[in-house]
Amino acid sequence: MVLAQQVLFLLVSIFAIGLFARKMSSLRRTIFLGKKEPINDRKSARWKQVVLLALGQKKLFKKPIPAIFHFFVYAGFILRQ
């Protein structure tokens, strides 16, 4: 009985690892479809954009009601850490 359980576990593990590898391969191919974007020397402008989009959630605040609720959830996560 123990041998059957171990074999079943091994088969399920191999299957799961195969699915994971296939998904990662697909994701990798998708990522490498992108083209390199020329980076300009305006580091301050790029950092400002990162702060506004990532930390400030700039795009979300175009809709006021969802933005207020999102702000409270986002602030809760920040304050909780």
N, C-alpha and C. Protein backbone atom coordinates (compact mmCIF):
# COMPACT_ATOMS: atom_id res chain seq x y z
N MET A 1 0.82 -1.20 0.00
CA MET A 1 0.00 0.00 0.00
C MET A 1 0.86 1.26 0.00
N VAL A 2 1.93 1.23 0.80
CA VAL A 2 2.81 2.39 0.88
C VAL A 2 3.50 2.62 -0.46
N LEU A 3 3.89 1.54 -1.12
CA LEU A 3 4.56 1.66 -2.42
C LEU A 3 3.61 2.29 -3.45
N ALA A 4 2.36 1.90 -3.43
CA ALA A 4 1.38 2.46 -4.36
C ALA A 4 1.20 3.96 -4.12
N GLN A 5 1.17 4.36 -2.86
CA GLN A 5 1.03 5.78 -2.54
C GLN A 5 2.25 6.57 -3.01
N GLN A 6 3.42 5.99 -2.84
CA GLN A 6 4.64 6.68 -3.27
C GLN A 6 4.70 6.81 -4.79
N VAL A 7 4.30 5.77 -5.49
CA VAL A 7 4.28 5.81 -6.95
C VAL A 7 3.26 6.84 -7.43
N LEU A 8 2.09 6.84 -6.81
CA LEU A 8 1.06 7.82 -7.18
C LEU A 8 1.55 9.24 -6.92
N PHE A 9 2.19 9.46 -5.79
CA PHE A 9 2.75 10.78 -5.47
C PHE A 9 3.79 11.19 -6.50
N LEU A 10 4.64 10.25 -6.87
CA LEU A 10 5.68 10.54 -7.87
C LEU A 10 5.06 10.91 -9.21
N LEU A 11 4.04 10.17 -9.63
CA LEU A 11 3.39 10.47 -10.91
C LEU A 11 2.70 11.83 -10.90
N VAL A 12 2.00 12.12 -9.82
CA VAL A 12 1.33 13.41 -9.71
C VAL A 12 2.35 14.54 -9.68
N SER A 13 3.46 14.33 -8.97
CA SER A 13 4.51 15.36 -8.90
C SER A 13 5.13 15.61 -10.26
N ILE A 14 5.43 14.55 -10.98
CA ILE A 14 6.01 14.70 -12.33
C ILE A 14 5.04 15.43 -13.25
N PHE A 15 3.77 15.09 -13.16
CA PHE A 15 2.75 15.76 -13.98
C PHE A 15 2.67 17.25 -13.63
N ALA A 16 2.67 17.57 -12.34
CA ALA A 16 2.59 18.97 -11.91
C ALA A 16 3.82 19.76 -12.34
N ILE A 17 4.99 19.16 -12.20
CA ILE A 17 6.22 19.84 -12.62
C ILE A 17 6.20 20.06 -14.13
N GLY A 18 5.69 19.09 -14.88
CA GLY A 18 5.57 19.25 -16.34
C GLY A 18 4.64 20.39 -16.72
N LEU A 19 3.49 20.47 -16.04
CA LEU A 19 2.57 21.59 -16.30
C LEU A 19 3.21 22.93 -15.97
N PHE A 20 3.90 22.98 -14.85
CA PHE A 20 4.57 24.22 -14.44
C PHE A 20 5.62 24.62 -15.46
N ALA A 21 6.44 23.67 -15.90
CA ALA A 21 7.49 23.97 -16.88
C ALA A 21 6.89 24.45 -18.19
N ARG A 22 5.80 23.82 -18.61
CA ARG A 22 5.14 24.24 -19.86
C ARG A 22 4.60 25.66 -19.75
N LYS A 23 3.99 25.98 -18.62
CA LYS A 23 3.44 27.32 -18.42
C LYS A 23 4.56 28.36 -18.37
N MET A 24 5.65 28.04 -17.69
CA MET A 24 6.78 28.97 -17.60
C MET A 24 7.43 29.18 -18.97
N SER A 25 7.49 28.12 -19.76
CA SER A 25 8.03 28.25 -21.11
C SER A 25 7.16 29.17 -21.96
N SER A 26 5.86 29.01 -21.84
CA SER A 26 4.93 29.88 -22.57
C SER A 26 5.07 31.33 -22.11
N LEU A 27 5.17 31.53 -20.81
CA LEU A 27 5.32 32.87 -20.26
C LEU A 27 6.63 33.51 -20.73
N ARG A 28 7.69 32.72 -20.74
CA ARG A 28 9.00 33.22 -21.18
C ARG A 28 8.95 33.65 -22.65
N ARG A 29 8.33 32.83 -23.48
CA ARG A 29 8.20 33.19 -24.90
C ARG A 29 7.41 34.48 -25.07
N THR A 30 6.36 34.64 -24.30
CA THR A 30 5.54 35.85 -24.37
C THR A 30 6.35 37.07 -23.96
N ILE A 31 7.12 36.95 -22.91
CA ILE A 31 7.93 38.07 -22.44
C ILE A 31 8.95 38.48 -23.49
N PHE A 32 9.58 37.50 -24.13
CA PHE A 32 10.61 37.82 -25.11
C PHE A 32 10.06 38.30 -26.45
N LEU A 33 8.74 38.34 -26.60
CA LEU A 33 8.16 38.94 -27.80
C LEU A 33 8.30 40.46 -27.79
N GLY A 34 8.45 41.02 -26.61
CA GLY A 34 8.55 42.47 -26.48
C GLY A 34 9.83 43.01 -27.09
N LYS A 35 9.77 44.25 -27.52
CA LYS A 35 10.93 44.91 -28.10
C LYS A 35 11.56 45.82 -27.07
N LYS A 36 12.86 45.98 -27.17
CA LYS A 36 13.55 46.87 -26.24
C LYS A 36 13.16 48.31 -26.54
N GLU A 37 12.92 49.04 -25.48
CA GLU A 37 12.55 50.43 -25.62
C GLU A 37 13.77 51.28 -25.32
N PRO A 38 14.04 52.27 -26.18
CA PRO A 38 15.20 53.11 -25.89
C PRO A 38 15.00 53.89 -24.59
N ILE A 39 16.01 53.85 -23.76
CA ILE A 39 15.94 54.55 -22.47
C ILE A 39 16.65 55.88 -22.62
N ASN A 40 15.93 56.94 -22.29
CA ASN A 40 16.54 58.26 -22.37
C ASN A 40 17.29 58.55 -21.07
N ASP A 41 17.97 59.65 -21.03
CA ASP A 41 18.78 59.98 -19.87
C ASP A 41 18.03 60.78 -18.82
N ARG A 42 16.72 60.90 -18.95
CA ARG A 42 15.93 61.67 -17.99
C ARG A 42 15.51 60.77 -16.83
N LYS A 43 16.47 60.45 -15.98
CA LYS A 43 16.20 59.53 -14.88
C LYS A 43 15.15 60.07 -13.92
N SER A 44 15.20 61.36 -13.66
CA SER A 44 14.25 61.94 -12.71
C SER A 44 12.82 61.81 -13.24
N ALA A 45 12.62 62.00 -14.53
CA ALA A 45 11.28 61.87 -15.10
C ALA A 45 10.80 60.42 -15.05
N ARG A 46 11.70 59.48 -15.28
CA ARG A 46 11.33 58.07 -15.22
C ARG A 46 10.97 57.67 -13.79
N TRP A 47 11.75 58.12 -12.82
CA TRP A 47 11.47 57.79 -11.42
C TRP A 47 10.16 58.43 -10.96
N LYS A 48 9.90 59.62 -11.43
CA LYS A 48 8.64 60.28 -11.08
C LYS A 48 7.46 59.47 -11.61
N GLN A 49 7.60 58.98 -12.84
CA GLN A 49 6.55 58.16 -13.45
C GLN A 49 6.34 56.86 -12.66
N VAL A 50 7.43 56.23 -12.24
CA VAL A 50 7.34 55.00 -11.46
C VAL A 50 6.62 55.26 -10.14
N VAL A 51 6.99 56.33 -9.47
CA VAL A 51 6.36 56.65 -8.19
C VAL A 51 4.87 56.94 -8.37
N LEU A 52 4.53 57.71 -9.39
CA LEU A 52 3.12 58.04 -9.62
C LEU A 52 2.28 56.82 -10.00
N LEU A 53 2.82 55.96 -10.85
CA LEU A 53 2.04 54.81 -11.31
C LEU A 53 2.03 53.66 -10.30
N ALA A 54 3.18 53.33 -9.75
CA ALA A 54 3.26 52.17 -8.87
C ALA A 54 2.83 52.48 -7.45
N LEU A 55 3.38 53.51 -6.88
CA LEU A 55 3.07 53.82 -5.49
C LEU A 55 1.83 54.70 -5.37
N GLY A 56 1.67 55.62 -6.28
CA GLY A 56 0.55 56.55 -6.19
C GLY A 56 -0.72 56.05 -6.84
N GLN A 57 -0.63 54.95 -7.62
CA GLN A 57 -1.80 54.39 -8.30
C GLN A 57 -2.51 55.46 -9.14
N LYS A 58 -1.74 56.21 -9.92
CA LYS A 58 -2.23 57.36 -10.68
C LYS A 58 -3.41 57.02 -11.59
N LYS A 59 -3.32 55.92 -12.33
CA LYS A 59 -4.37 55.60 -13.30
C LYS A 59 -5.69 55.27 -12.62
N LEU A 60 -5.62 54.70 -11.44
CA LEU A 60 -6.85 54.31 -10.75
C LEU A 60 -7.66 55.51 -10.31
N PHE A 61 -7.01 56.61 -10.00
CA PHE A 61 -7.70 57.75 -9.43
C PHE A 61 -8.45 58.60 -10.46
N LYS A 62 -8.60 58.08 -11.67
CA LYS A 62 -9.43 58.77 -12.66
C LYS A 62 -10.91 58.53 -12.39
N LYS A 63 -11.22 57.45 -11.66
CA LYS A 63 -12.60 57.15 -11.25
C LYS A 63 -12.67 57.35 -9.74
N PRO A 64 -13.38 58.35 -9.25
CA PRO A 64 -13.27 58.74 -7.84
C PRO A 64 -13.79 57.72 -6.82
N ILE A 65 -14.92 57.10 -7.05
CA ILE A 65 -15.49 56.19 -6.04
C ILE A 65 -14.62 54.94 -5.85
N PRO A 66 -14.28 54.20 -6.93
CA PRO A 66 -13.40 53.06 -6.72
C PRO A 66 -12.03 53.48 -6.18
N ALA A 67 -11.60 54.68 -6.56
CA ALA A 67 -10.30 55.16 -6.10
C ALA A 67 -10.27 55.34 -4.59
N ILE A 68 -11.35 55.86 -4.03
CA ILE A 68 -11.39 56.07 -2.58
C ILE A 68 -11.33 54.73 -1.86
N PHE A 69 -12.12 53.75 -2.31
CA PHE A 69 -12.10 52.44 -1.68
C PHE A 69 -10.73 51.78 -1.84
N HIS A 70 -10.17 51.89 -3.03
CA HIS A 70 -8.86 51.30 -3.27
C HIS A 70 -7.80 51.97 -2.40
N PHE A 71 -7.90 53.26 -2.23
CA PHE A 71 -6.94 53.98 -1.40
C PHE A 71 -6.95 53.44 0.03
N PHE A 72 -8.14 53.20 0.59
CA PHE A 72 -8.22 52.69 1.95
C PHE A 72 -7.61 51.29 2.07
N VAL A 73 -7.88 50.44 1.10
CA VAL A 73 -7.29 49.10 1.12
C VAL A 73 -5.77 49.19 0.97
N TYR A 74 -5.32 49.99 0.02
CA TYR A 74 -3.89 50.17 -0.24
C TYR A 74 -3.20 50.75 0.99
N ALA A 75 -3.78 51.78 1.58
CA ALA A 75 -3.20 52.40 2.78
C ALA A 75 -3.19 51.40 3.93
N GLY A 76 -4.21 50.57 4.03
CA GLY A 76 -4.25 49.56 5.08
C GLY A 76 -3.10 48.57 4.95
N PHE A 77 -2.80 48.16 3.72
CA PHE A 77 -1.66 47.26 3.52
C PHE A 77 -0.35 47.94 3.87
N ILE A 78 -0.20 49.19 3.46
CA ILE A 78 1.04 49.92 3.74
C ILE A 78 1.21 50.11 5.24
N LEU A 79 0.16 50.53 5.92
CA LEU A 79 0.25 50.77 7.36
C LEU A 79 0.41 49.48 8.15
N ARG A 80 -0.12 48.41 7.65
CA ARG A 80 -0.06 47.12 8.34
C ARG A 80 1.36 46.57 8.38
N GLN A 81 2.14 46.90 7.39
CA GLN A 81 3.50 46.37 7.34
C GLN A 81 4.37 47.21 8.15
